[in-house]
Amino acid sequence: MTNNRRRIKGTVISNKMQKTVVVRVDIVRRHPLYGKIMRSSQKYMAHDESGQIQVGDIVQIVETRPISKNKRWAVEKVLEHHQVLAPSIDEVTE
């Protein structure tokens, strides 16, 4: 049995809600007539059962049954964790 649900890769831009993250998916395509490269993005609200996902993480979301009014996606896995760089000692003392 195959799983035909759509999967999308995106970046987490908000995790301020309980068990919900907002994922931004960037879309790059070429205009069919003029050939100009157009960039756009779309935001999806996705269910995060663990609550461990941070802003900046790159995640894969999968289409699922409607969970609420705006949530139809769930986080399947974290592809890359966002690393926050701590300031060096020289920057803190200055």
Protein backbone atom coordinates (compact mmCIF):
# COMPACT_ATOMS: atom_id res chain seq x y z
CA MET A 1 0.00 0.00 0.00
CA THR A 2 1.50 3.32 -1.03
CA ASN A 3 1.36 6.56 0.89
CA ASN A 4 0.30 9.30 -1.52
CA ARG A 5 0.26 12.19 0.94
CA ARG A 6 2.10 15.33 -0.13
CA ARG A 7 5.39 16.16 1.59
CA ILE A 8 6.94 19.64 1.69
CA LYS A 9 10.25 20.93 3.06
CA GLY A 10 10.29 24.30 4.80
CA THR A 11 11.70 26.49 7.57
CA VAL A 12 10.02 27.02 10.94
CA ILE A 13 9.29 30.72 11.46
CA SER A 14 7.13 30.55 14.61
CA ASN A 15 6.62 28.13 17.50
CA LYS A 16 4.67 30.36 19.89
CA MET A 17 1.55 28.18 19.92
CA GLN A 18 1.06 24.93 21.81
CA LYS A 19 1.73 21.89 19.59
CA THR A 20 1.73 24.07 16.47
CA VAL A 21 4.51 25.53 14.32
CA VAL A 22 4.31 27.84 11.33
CA VAL A 23 6.43 26.63 8.41
CA ARG A 24 7.48 28.88 5.50
CA VAL A 25 7.92 27.12 2.17
CA ASP A 26 9.89 29.06 -0.44
CA ILE A 27 8.87 28.64 -4.07
CA VAL A 28 11.17 29.53 -6.98
CA ARG A 29 9.82 29.32 -10.51
CA ARG A 30 10.36 30.84 -13.91
CA HIS A 31 7.72 33.04 -15.54
CA PRO A 32 6.28 31.08 -18.48
CA LEU A 33 6.40 33.95 -21.00
CA TYR A 34 9.19 36.29 -19.90
CA GLY A 35 11.54 33.82 -18.26
CA LYS A 36 12.15 35.94 -15.16
CA ILE A 37 12.81 33.96 -11.98
CA MET A 38 10.06 34.69 -9.47
CA ARG A 39 10.38 33.94 -5.77
CA SER A 40 7.42 33.59 -3.45
CA SER A 41 6.66 31.86 -0.19
CA GLN A 42 3.69 30.29 1.50
CA LYS A 43 3.05 29.66 5.19
CA TYR A 44 1.58 26.45 6.57
CA MET A 45 0.45 25.72 10.12
CA ALA A 46 1.66 22.25 11.10
CA HIS A 47 1.03 20.01 14.11
CA ASP A 48 4.06 19.39 16.36
CA GLU A 49 3.20 16.77 18.97
CA SER A 50 6.57 16.88 20.73
CA GLY A 51 6.86 20.66 21.05
CA GLN A 52 10.67 20.44 20.67
CA ILE A 53 11.00 22.20 17.30
CA GLN A 54 12.70 25.60 17.40
CA VAL A 55 12.55 28.62 15.10
CA GLY A 56 14.97 28.19 12.20
CA ASP A 57 14.77 24.39 12.03
CA ILE A 58 14.30 22.89 8.57
CA VAL A 59 11.47 20.35 8.70
CA GLN A 60 9.51 18.08 6.41
CA ILE A 61 5.74 18.35 6.78
CA VAL A 62 3.18 15.86 5.52
CA GLU A 63 -0.44 16.36 4.56
CA THR A 64 -2.89 14.92 7.09
CA ARG A 65 -6.54 15.05 8.11
CA PRO A 66 -7.86 18.42 9.28
CA ILE A 67 -6.74 18.95 12.88
CA SER A 68 -8.24 22.42 13.34
CA LYS A 69 -9.57 25.29 11.26
CA ASN A 70 -6.15 26.10 9.76
CA LYS A 71 -4.04 22.98 10.44
CA ARG A 72 -3.93 20.31 7.74
CA TRP A 73 -0.23 19.45 7.97
CA ALA A 74 1.91 17.61 10.54
CA VAL A 75 5.66 17.68 11.10
CA GLU A 76 7.07 14.38 9.88
CA LYS A 77 10.74 14.89 10.73
CA VAL A 78 13.37 17.51 11.43
CA LEU A 79 15.91 17.61 8.61
CA GLU A 80 18.29 20.16 10.13
CA HIS A 81 18.45 21.86 13.52
CA HIS A 82 19.11 25.59 13.73
CA GLN A 83 22.33 26.29 15.64
CA VAL A 84 22.46 29.48 17.65
CA LEU A 85 25.98 30.81 17.87
CA ALA A 86 26.92 32.18 21.28
CA PRO A 87 28.79 35.51 21.30
CA SER A 88 32.51 35.28 21.92
CA ILE A 89 34.10 36.65 25.09
CA ASP A 90 35.63 39.57 23.17
CA GLU A 91 32.21 40.70 21.92
CA VAL A 92 30.69 40.54 25.40
CA THR A 93 33.41 42.63 27.08
CA GLU A 94 33.29 45.42 24.48
